[in-house]
């Protein structure tokens, strides 16, 4: 997804505000650069609230400002307008949906129209408690879903006769705080077709970051033990058993963790 324009009537420092973004080829992000106090974090708050409002009625009710946002997603341009009461959504100038949030979502489902991104990752260079609390509101239920799903999966491992189809919960909204900067940069630099990535070119030209020198990964087993039920946590005493869970979460990660060695004394994994 790339944002093309954003208009805000009145929210904090954004009054009669409008900004245009350039749609870049082979990109899926929008970048904001500005001095302190110019409204960058407020814009991220607004954008996050807009998209979250279609997944959370609680957040939808908290939006009291009018806005219009236009973005490019999945080969189509989408314009969402909210006047404080009703919505209007235009997709590629052909499909027009109007009404309340509930009506809009129902119409989109009936027409099998996907206009919202599958995942939204927000990174802000600096402290922003407002953004973090906003994302945490949707993270609470996600963590509960993770715990429930993985424990059900562990139950299946212990009792194969109780098998059922399980899928690891999808996390749509991700807020990258400063501790995740390295992971975020590695994700950009190590993405598929990195040579064609606008984001990688931007890091190279503007930040002089060209490649990944090395990656060190450490898993704190104490946190894993605290997260899952005690009876199953005690079974995680070898790399093979932990790899089983990793494979369930995302089988693409198994090969990366197969080179790790489990050290019982520290209950941590270290790369060889």
C-alpha atoms as a PDB file:
ATOM      1  CA  UNK A   1       0.000   0.000   0.000  1.00  0.00           C
ATOM      2  CA  UNK A   2       1.104   3.537  -0.753  1.00  0.00           C
ATOM      3  CA  UNK A   3      -0.713   6.651   0.416  1.00  0.00           C
ATOM      4  CA  UNK A   4      -1.331   9.228  -2.299  1.00  0.00           C
ATOM      5  CA  UNK A   5      -3.001  12.010  -0.293  1.00  0.00           C
ATOM      6  CA  UNK A   6      -4.410  12.790   3.140  1.00  0.00           C
ATOM      7  CA  UNK A   7      -6.822  15.571   4.100  1.00  0.00           C
ATOM      8  CA  UNK A   8      -7.741  16.335   7.722  1.00  0.00           C
ATOM      9  CA  UNK A   9     -10.280  18.942   8.782  1.00  0.00           C
ATOM     10  CA  UNK A  10      -9.330  19.352  12.438  1.00  0.00           C
ATOM     11  CA  UNK A  11      -7.255  16.973  14.575  1.00  0.00           C
ATOM     12  CA  UNK A  12      -4.724  18.325  17.069  1.00  0.00           C
ATOM     13  CA  UNK A  13      -2.171  20.365  15.070  1.00  0.00           C
ATOM     14  CA  UNK A  14      -3.628  19.238  11.730  1.00  0.00           C
ATOM     15  CA  UNK A  15      -6.212  21.914  10.869  1.00  0.00           C
ATOM     16  CA  UNK A  16      -7.386  22.281   7.258  1.00  0.00           C
ATOM     17  CA  UNK A  17      -4.460  20.019   6.511  1.00  0.00           C
ATOM     18  CA  UNK A  18      -3.637  18.331   3.211  1.00  0.00           C
ATOM     19  CA  UNK A  19      -0.536  16.497   2.063  1.00  0.00           C
ATOM     20  CA  UNK A  20       0.345  14.740  -1.202  1.00  0.00           C
ATOM     21  CA  UNK A  21       2.631  11.724  -1.519  1.00  0.00           C
ATOM     22  CA  UNK A  22       4.491  10.453  -4.545  1.00  0.00           C
ATOM     23  CA  UNK A  23       3.527   6.957  -5.697  1.00  0.00           C
ATOM     24  CA  UNK A  24       6.824   5.121  -6.210  1.00  0.00           C
ATOM     25  CA  UNK A  25       7.329   2.129  -8.449  1.00  0.00           C
ATOM     26  CA  UNK A  26       7.986  -1.231  -6.733  1.00  0.00           C
ATOM     27  CA  UNK A  27       7.165   0.121  -3.294  1.00  0.00           C
ATOM     28  CA  UNK A  28       4.699  -0.687  -0.552  1.00  0.00           C
ATOM     29  CA  UNK A  29       5.348   2.087   1.933  1.00  0.00           C
ATOM     30  CA  UNK A  30       5.095   5.824   2.523  1.00  0.00           C
ATOM     31  CA  UNK A  31       7.929   7.771   4.168  1.00  0.00           C
ATOM     32  CA  UNK A  32       7.598  10.936   6.258  1.00  0.00           C
ATOM     33  CA  UNK A  33      10.593  13.160   6.971  1.00  0.00           C
ATOM     34  CA  UNK A  34      10.356  16.432   8.878  1.00  0.00           C
ATOM     35  CA  UNK A  35      11.562  18.548  11.763  1.00  0.00           C
ATOM     36  CA  UNK A  36      10.341  17.966  15.306  1.00  0.00           C
ATOM     37  CA  UNK A  37       6.915  19.446  15.966  1.00  0.00           C
ATOM     38  CA  UNK A  38       5.792  19.466  12.337  1.00  0.00           C
ATOM     39  CA  UNK A  39       3.054  16.843  12.852  1.00  0.00           C
ATOM     40  CA  UNK A  40       4.686  13.596  11.696  1.00  0.00           C
ATOM     41  CA  UNK A  41       3.544  11.523  14.655  1.00  0.00           C
ATOM     42  CA  UNK A  42       0.071  13.098  14.528  1.00  0.00           C
ATOM     43  CA  UNK A  43      -0.229  12.072  10.880  1.00  0.00           C
ATOM     44  CA  UNK A  44       0.741   8.510  11.776  1.00  0.00           C
ATOM     45  CA  UNK A  45      -1.901   8.548  14.513  1.00  0.00           C
ATOM     46  CA  UNK A  46      -4.546   9.659  12.029  1.00  0.00           C
ATOM     47  CA  UNK A  47      -3.576   7.127   9.358  1.00  0.00           C
ATOM     48  CA  UNK A  48      -3.470   4.310  11.916  1.00  0.00           C
ATOM     49  CA  UNK A  49      -6.847   5.260  13.352  1.00  0.00           C
ATOM     50  CA  UNK A  50      -8.440   5.419   9.903  1.00  0.00           C
ATOM     51  CA  UNK A  51      -7.482   1.866   8.951  1.00  0.00           C
ATOM     52  CA  UNK A  52      -7.979   0.444  12.444  1.00  0.00           C
ATOM     53  CA  UNK A  53     -11.485   1.901  12.558  1.00  0.00           C
ATOM     54  CA  UNK A  54     -12.620  -0.668   9.987  1.00  0.00           C
ATOM     55  CA  UNK A  55     -11.447  -3.491  12.273  1.00  0.00           C
ATOM     56  CA  UNK A  56     -12.465  -1.988  15.601  1.00  0.00           C
ATOM     57  CA  UNK A  57     -15.804  -0.351  16.375  1.00  0.00           C
ATOM     58  CA  UNK A  58     -14.216   1.102  19.531  1.00  0.00           C
ATOM     59  CA  UNK A  59     -11.620   3.010  17.495  1.00  0.00           C
ATOM     60  CA  UNK A  60     -14.233   3.967  14.880  1.00  0.00           C
ATOM     61  CA  UNK A  61     -16.335   5.651  17.571  1.00  0.00           C
ATOM     62  CA  UNK A  62     -13.295   7.604  18.790  1.00  0.00           C
ATOM     63  CA  UNK A  63     -12.824   9.348  15.420  1.00  0.00           C
ATOM     64  CA  UNK A  64     -14.580  12.716  15.611  1.00  0.00           C
ATOM     65  CA  UNK A  65     -12.750  14.494  12.788  1.00  0.00           C
ATOM     66  CA  UNK A  66     -13.527  14.558   9.070  1.00  0.00           C
ATOM     67  CA  UNK A  67     -10.955  13.164   6.676  1.00  0.00           C
ATOM     68  CA  UNK A  68     -10.197  11.939   3.186  1.00  0.00           C
ATOM     69  CA  UNK A  69      -7.448   9.492   2.373  1.00  0.00           C
ATOM     70  CA  UNK A  70      -6.443   8.179  -1.031  1.00  0.00           C
ATOM     71  CA  UNK A  71      -4.094   5.231  -1.395  1.00  0.00           C
ATOM     72  CA  UNK A  72      -2.909   2.639  -3.909  1.00  0.00           C
ATOM     73  CA  UNK A  73      -3.369  -0.988  -2.940  1.00  0.00           C
ATOM     74  CA  UNK A  74      -3.465  -4.222  -4.917  1.00  0.00           C
ATOM     75  CA  UNK A  75      -3.455  -2.452  -8.274  1.00  0.00           C
ATOM     76  CA  UNK A  76      -6.307  -0.087  -7.447  1.00  0.00           C
ATOM     77  CA  UNK A  77      -6.738   3.456  -6.154  1.00  0.00           C
ATOM     78  CA  UNK A  78      -9.034   3.796  -3.163  1.00  0.00           C
ATOM     79  CA  UNK A  79     -10.513   7.005  -1.748  1.00  0.00           C
ATOM     80  CA  UNK A  80     -12.149   6.939   1.686  1.00  0.00           C
ATOM     81  CA  UNK A  81     -14.075  10.023   2.807  1.00  0.00           C
ATOM     82  CA  UNK A  82     -15.608  10.479   6.261  1.00  0.00           C
ATOM     83  CA  UNK A  83     -17.663  13.541   7.168  1.00  0.00           C
ATOM     84  CA  UNK A  84     -18.009  12.759  10.856  1.00  0.00           C
ATOM     85  CA  UNK A  85     -21.076  10.592  10.333  1.00  0.00           C
ATOM     86  CA  UNK A  86     -21.176   8.738   6.993  1.00  0.00           C
ATOM     87  CA  UNK A  87     -18.542   7.162   4.788  1.00  0.00           C
ATOM     88  CA  UNK A  88     -17.983   7.291   1.057  1.00  0.00           C
ATOM     89  CA  UNK A  89     -15.559   4.897  -0.601  1.00  0.00           C
ATOM     90  CA  UNK A  90     -14.574   5.104  -4.261  1.00  0.00           C
ATOM     91  CA  UNK A  91     -12.511   2.333  -5.862  1.00  0.00           C
ATOM     92  CA  UNK A  92     -10.834   3.154  -9.185  1.00  0.00           C
ATOM     93  CA  UNK A  93     -13.643   5.651  -9.883  1.00  0.00           C
ATOM     94  CA  UNK A  94     -15.970   2.740 -10.676  1.00  0.00           C
ATOM     95  CA  UNK A  95     -17.212   1.256  -7.423  1.00  0.00           C
ATOM     96  CA  UNK A  96     -18.853   3.665  -5.011  1.00  0.00           C
ATOM     97  CA  UNK A  97     -19.965   2.656  -1.525  1.00  0.00           C
ATOM     98  CA  UNK A  98     -21.741   5.016   0.863  1.00  0.00           C
ATOM     99  CA  UNK A  99     -23.293   4.689   4.305  1.00  0.00           C
ATOM    100  CA  UNK A 100     -22.330   3.796   7.848  1.00  0.00           C
ATOM    101  CA  UNK A 101     -19.248   1.772   8.712  1.00  0.00           C
ATOM    102  CA  UNK A 102     -21.334  -1.367   9.191  1.00  0.00           C
ATOM    103  CA  UNK A 103     -23.106  -0.862   5.853  1.00  0.00           C
ATOM    104  CA  UNK A 104     -19.821  -0.268   4.035  1.00  0.00           C
ATOM    105  CA  UNK A 105     -18.206  -3.417   5.416  1.00  0.00           C
ATOM    106  CA  UNK A 106     -21.264  -5.483   4.513  1.00  0.00           C
ATOM    107  CA  UNK A 107     -21.307  -4.165   0.924  1.00  0.00           C
ATOM    108  CA  UNK A 108     -17.598  -4.857   0.502  1.00  0.00           C
ATOM    109  CA  UNK A 109     -18.075  -8.418   1.768  1.00  0.00           C
ATOM    110  CA  UNK A 110     -21.035  -9.066  -0.538  1.00  0.00           C
ATOM    111  CA  UNK A 111     -19.059  -7.837  -3.553  1.00  0.00           C
ATOM    112  CA  UNK A 112     -15.924  -9.675  -2.395  1.00  0.00           C
ATOM    113  CA  UNK A 113     -14.032  -6.397  -2.706  1.00  0.00           C
ATOM    114  CA  UNK A 114     -10.717  -6.176  -0.874  1.00  0.00           C
ATOM    115  CA  UNK A 115      -9.596  -2.595  -0.389  1.00  0.00           C
ATOM    116  CA  UNK A 116      -7.744  -2.749   2.938  1.00  0.00           C
ATOM    117  CA  UNK A 117      -4.120  -3.888   3.293  1.00  0.00           C
ATOM    118  CA  UNK A 118      -3.477  -7.290   4.869  1.00  0.00           C
ATOM    119  CA  UNK A 119      -0.796  -5.831   7.115  1.00  0.00           C
ATOM    120  CA  UNK A 120       0.156  -2.330   8.230  1.00  0.00           C
ATOM    121  CA  UNK A 121       3.586  -1.746   9.748  1.00  0.00           C
ATOM    122  CA  UNK A 122       4.272   1.612  11.379  1.00  0.00           C
ATOM    123  CA  UNK A 123       7.748   2.769  12.327  1.00  0.00           C
ATOM    124  CA  UNK A 124       8.401   6.030  14.125  1.00  0.00           C
ATOM    125  CA  UNK A 125      11.935   7.181  14.899  1.00  0.00           C
ATOM    126  CA  UNK A 126      11.515   8.395  18.461  1.00  0.00           C
ATOM    127  CA  UNK A 127       9.210   7.999  21.447  1.00  0.00           C
ATOM    128  CA  UNK A 128       5.464   8.133  20.884  1.00  0.00           C
ATOM    129  CA  UNK A 129       3.280   6.759  23.662  1.00  0.00           C
ATOM    130  CA  UNK A 130       0.082   7.684  21.820  1.00  0.00           C
ATOM    131  CA  UNK A 131       0.957   5.516  18.821  1.00  0.00           C
ATOM    132  CA  UNK A 132       2.085   2.656  21.023  1.00  0.00           C
ATOM    133  CA  UNK A 133      -1.098   2.700  23.129  1.00  0.00           C
ATOM    134  CA  UNK A 134      -3.182   2.798  19.951  1.00  0.00           C
ATOM    135  CA  UNK A 135      -1.532  -0.359  18.615  1.00  0.00           C
ATOM    136  CA  UNK A 136      -1.617  -2.026  22.022  1.00  0.00           C
ATOM    137  CA  UNK A 137      -5.420  -1.815  22.023  1.00  0.00           C
ATOM    138  CA  UNK A 138      -5.526  -4.263  19.126  1.00  0.00           C
ATOM    139  CA  UNK A 139      -2.559  -6.301  20.371  1.00  0.00           C
ATOM    140  CA  UNK A 140      -4.234  -7.501  23.577  1.00  0.00           C
ATOM    141  CA  UNK A 141      -6.778  -9.684  21.782  1.00  0.00           C
ATOM    142  CA  UNK A 142      -4.092 -10.842  19.326  1.00  0.00           C
ATOM    143  CA  UNK A 143      -1.836 -12.088  22.155  1.00  0.00           C
ATOM    144  CA  UNK A 144      -4.763 -13.993  23.649  1.00  0.00           C
ATOM    145  CA  UNK A 145      -5.424 -15.595  20.259  1.00  0.00           C
ATOM    146  CA  UNK A 146      -1.764 -16.611  19.944  1.00  0.00           C
ATOM    147  CA  UNK A 147      -1.679 -18.190  23.377  1.00  0.00           C
ATOM    148  CA  UNK A 148      -4.898 -20.098  22.770  1.00  0.00           C
ATOM    149  CA  UNK A 149      -3.902 -21.331  19.301  1.00  0.00           C
ATOM    150  CA  UNK A 150      -0.393 -22.481  20.223  1.00  0.00           C
ATOM    151  CA  UNK A 151      -1.607 -24.275  23.335  1.00  0.00           C
ATOM    152  CA  UNK A 152      -4.229 -26.064  21.208  1.00  0.00           C
ATOM    153  CA  UNK A 153      -1.452 -27.049  18.813  1.00  0.00           C
ATOM    154  CA  UNK A 154       0.680 -28.347  21.695  1.00  0.00           C
ATOM    155  CA  UNK A 155      -2.316 -30.345  22.907  1.00  0.00           C
ATOM    156  CA  UNK A 156      -2.530 -31.963  19.466  1.00  0.00           C
ATOM    157  CA  UNK A 157       1.146 -32.903  19.668  1.00  0.00           C
ATOM    158  CA  UNK A 158       0.535 -34.566  23.005  1.00  0.00           C
ATOM    159  CA  UNK A 159      -2.777 -36.129  21.918  1.00  0.00           C
ATOM    160  CA  UNK A 160      -2.660 -36.788  18.130  1.00  0.00           C
ATOM    161  CA  UNK A 161      -6.178 -38.232  18.243  1.00  0.00           C
ATOM    162  CA  UNK A 162      -7.506 -34.722  18.966  1.00  0.00           C
ATOM    163  CA  UNK A 163      -6.309 -33.198  15.701  1.00  0.00           C
ATOM    164  CA  UNK A 164      -8.128 -30.286  14.106  1.00  0.00           C
ATOM    165  CA  UNK A 165      -7.306 -27.610  11.566  1.00  0.00           C
ATOM    166  CA  UNK A 166      -5.439 -24.765  13.214  1.00  0.00           C
ATOM    167  CA  UNK A 167      -3.912 -21.640  11.707  1.00  0.00           C
ATOM    168  CA  UNK A 168      -1.567 -19.250  13.447  1.00  0.00           C
ATOM    169  CA  UNK A 169      -3.314 -15.870  14.004  1.00  0.00           C
ATOM    170  CA  UNK A 170      -2.525 -13.146  11.503  1.00  0.00           C
ATOM    171  CA  UNK A 171      -1.227  -9.886  12.971  1.00  0.00           C
ATOM    172  CA  UNK A 172      -2.438  -7.006  10.837  1.00  0.00           C
ATOM    173  CA  UNK A 173      -1.160  -3.989  12.759  1.00  0.00           C
ATOM    174  CA  UNK A 174       2.484  -3.855  13.791  1.00  0.00           C
ATOM    175  CA  UNK A 175       4.179  -0.971  15.557  1.00  0.00           C
ATOM    176  CA  UNK A 176       7.978  -1.092  15.359  1.00  0.00           C
ATOM    177  CA  UNK A 177       9.517   0.635  18.359  1.00  0.00           C
ATOM    178  CA  UNK A 178      13.208   1.560  18.555  1.00  0.00           C
ATOM    179  CA  UNK A 179      14.140  -1.909  19.850  1.00  0.00           C
ATOM    180  CA  UNK A 180      12.935  -3.388  16.549  1.00  0.00           C
ATOM    181  CA  UNK A 181      14.869  -1.008  14.283  1.00  0.00           C
ATOM    182  CA  UNK A 182      17.413  -3.668  13.339  1.00  0.00           C
ATOM    183  CA  UNK A 183      14.700  -6.201  12.502  1.00  0.00           C
ATOM    184  CA  UNK A 184      12.806  -3.646  10.456  1.00  0.00           C
ATOM    185  CA  UNK A 185      15.892  -2.677   8.424  1.00  0.00           C
ATOM    186  CA  UNK A 186      16.797  -6.342   7.858  1.00  0.00           C
ATOM    187  CA  UNK A 187      13.269  -7.023   6.605  1.00  0.00           C
ATOM    188  CA  UNK A 188      13.669  -4.269   4.001  1.00  0.00           C
ATOM    189  CA  UNK A 189      17.195  -5.168   2.951  1.00  0.00           C
ATOM    190  CA  UNK A 190      16.512  -8.911   2.862  1.00  0.00           C
ATOM    191  CA  UNK A 191      13.137  -8.818   1.121  1.00  0.00           C
ATOM    192  CA  UNK A 192      12.490 -10.704  -2.115  1.00  0.00           C
ATOM    193  CA  UNK A 193      13.691  -8.857  -5.212  1.00  0.00           C
ATOM    194  CA  UNK A 194      15.621  -6.382  -3.048  1.00  0.00           C
ATOM    195  CA  UNK A 195      17.394  -4.829  -6.034  1.00  0.00           C
ATOM    196  CA  UNK A 196      14.036  -3.545  -7.326  1.00  0.00           C
ATOM    197  CA  UNK A 197      12.837  -2.304  -3.947  1.00  0.00           C
ATOM    198  CA  UNK A 198      12.218   1.419  -3.605  1.00  0.00           C
ATOM    199  CA  UNK A 199      12.735   1.089   0.145  1.00  0.00           C
ATOM    200  CA  UNK A 200      16.179  -0.499  -0.267  1.00  0.00           C
ATOM    201  CA  UNK A 201      17.244   2.137  -2.768  1.00  0.00           C
ATOM    202  CA  UNK A 202      16.084   4.821  -0.359  1.00  0.00           C
ATOM    203  CA  UNK A 203      18.127   3.327   2.507  1.00  0.00           C
ATOM    204  CA  UNK A 204      21.156   3.122   0.231  1.00  0.00           C
ATOM    205  CA  UNK A 205      20.926   6.651  -1.156  1.00  0.00           C
ATOM    206  CA  UNK A 206      19.657   8.567   1.883  1.00  0.00           C
ATOM    207  CA  UNK A 207      21.071   6.577   4.824  1.00  0.00           C
ATOM    208  CA  UNK A 208      24.112   4.937   3.224  1.00  0.00           C
ATOM    209  CA  UNK A 209      22.922   1.463   4.311  1.00  0.00           C
ATOM    210  CA  UNK A 210      23.644  -1.028   1.544  1.00  0.00           C
ATOM    211  CA  UNK A 211      23.544  -4.580   2.896  1.00  0.00           C
ATOM    212  CA  UNK A 212      23.256  -6.865   5.940  1.00  0.00           C
ATOM    213  CA  UNK A 213      26.654  -7.695   7.450  1.00  0.00           C
ATOM    214  CA  UNK A 214      25.387 -10.310   9.920  1.00  0.00           C
ATOM    215  CA  UNK A 215      22.331 -11.270  11.944  1.00  0.00           C
ATOM    216  CA  UNK A 216      22.470 -12.447  15.566  1.00  0.00           C
ATOM    217  CA  UNK A 217      19.301 -13.978  17.001  1.00  0.00           C
ATOM    218  CA  UNK A 218      18.725 -14.805  20.649  1.00  0.00           C
ATOM    219  CA  UNK A 219      15.604 -16.480  22.033  1.00  0.00           C
ATOM    220  CA  UNK A 220      14.861 -16.013  25.708  1.00  0.00           C
ATOM    221  CA  UNK A 221      13.364 -19.347  26.724  1.00  0.00           C
ATOM    222  CA  UNK A 222      12.167 -17.913  30.049  1.00  0.00           C
ATOM    223  CA  UNK A 223       9.693 -15.739  28.187  1.00  0.00           C
ATOM    224  CA  UNK A 224       8.472 -18.714  26.183  1.00  0.00           C
ATOM    225  CA  UNK A 225       8.046 -20.741  29.374  1.00  0.00           C
ATOM    226  CA  UNK A 226       6.093 -17.901  30.972  1.00  0.00           C
ATOM    227  CA  UNK A 227       3.867 -17.496  27.928  1.00  0.00           C
ATOM    228  CA  UNK A 228       2.630 -21.075  27.591  1.00  0.00           C
ATOM    229  CA  UNK A 229       1.127 -23.500  30.029  1.00  0.00           C
ATOM    230  CA  UNK A 230       3.642 -24.987  32.434  1.00  0.00           C
ATOM    231  CA  UNK A 231       2.989 -28.612  31.526  1.00  0.00           C
ATOM    232  CA  UNK A 232       3.896 -27.958  27.884  1.00  0.00           C
ATOM    233  CA  UNK A 233       6.670 -25.445  28.557  1.00  0.00           C
ATOM    234  CA  UNK A 234       8.631 -28.068  30.468  1.00  0.00           C
ATOM    235  CA  UNK A 235       8.657 -30.235  27.352  1.00  0.00           C
ATOM    236  CA  UNK A 236      10.620 -27.622  25.405  1.00  0.00           C
ATOM    237  CA  UNK A 237      14.061 -28.889  26.299  1.00  0.00           C
ATOM    238  CA  UNK A 238      15.602 -29.350  22.856  1.00  0.00           C
ATOM    239  CA  UNK A 239      15.881 -27.394  19.607  1.00  0.00           C
ATOM    240  CA  UNK A 240      13.753 -29.978  17.798  1.00  0.00           C
ATOM    241  CA  UNK A 241      10.765 -29.372  20.042  1.00  0.00           C
ATOM    242  CA  UNK A 242      10.980 -25.607  19.681  1.00  0.00           C
ATOM    243  CA  UNK A 243      11.424 -25.963  15.919  1.00  0.00           C
ATOM    244  CA  UNK A 244       8.117 -27.829  15.841  1.00  0.00           C
ATOM    245  CA  UNK A 245       6.363 -24.732  17.191  1.00  0.00           C
ATOM    246  CA  UNK A 246       8.319 -22.426  14.854  1.00  0.00           C
ATOM    247  CA  UNK A 247       7.247 -24.566  11.905  1.00  0.00           C
ATOM    248  CA  UNK A 248       3.615 -24.224  12.959  1.00  0.00           C
ATOM    249  CA  UNK A 249       3.967 -20.427  13.263  1.00  0.00           C
ATOM    250  CA  UNK A 250       5.794 -19.954   9.949  1.00  0.00           C
ATOM    251  CA  UNK A 251       7.509 -22.841   8.192  1.00  0.00           C
ATOM    252  CA  UNK A 252       9.681 -20.378   6.250  1.00  0.00           C
ATOM    253  CA  UNK A 253      11.593 -19.687   9.475  1.00  0.00           C
ATOM    254  CA  UNK A 254      12.582 -23.279  10.233  1.00  0.00           C
ATOM    255  CA  UNK A 255      15.748 -23.346   8.109  1.00  0.00           C
ATOM    256  CA  UNK A 256      16.962 -20.129   9.754  1.00  0.00           C
ATOM    257  CA  UNK A 257      16.634 -21.618  13.237  1.00  0.00           C
ATOM    258  CA  UNK A 258      17.970 -25.101  12.432  1.00  0.00           C
ATOM    259  CA  UNK A 259      21.539 -23.837  12.811  1.00  0.00           C
ATOM    260  CA  UNK A 260      20.947 -22.819  16.421  1.00  0.00           C
ATOM    261  CA  UNK A 261      22.201 -24.699  19.453  1.00  0.00           C
ATOM    262  CA  UNK A 262      20.250 -25.068  22.697  1.00  0.00           C
ATOM    263  CA  UNK A 263      22.244 -24.444  25.877  1.00  0.00           C
ATOM    264  CA  UNK A 264      20.291 -25.827  28.892  1.00  0.00           C
ATOM    265  CA  UNK A 265      22.277 -23.844  31.451  1.00  0.00           C
ATOM    266  CA  UNK A 266      21.118 -20.494  30.058  1.00  0.00           C
ATOM    267  CA  UNK A 267      17.842 -21.644  28.472  1.00  0.00           C
ATOM    268  CA  UNK A 268      18.656 -19.612  25.401  1.00  0.00           C
ATOM    269  CA  UNK A 269      19.441 -20.267  21.776  1.00  0.00           C
ATOM    270  CA  UNK A 270      22.617 -18.834  20.314  1.00  0.00           C
ATOM    271  CA  UNK A 271      23.758 -18.917  16.723  1.00  0.00           C
ATOM    272  CA  UNK A 272      26.824 -21.056  16.081  1.00  0.00           C
END
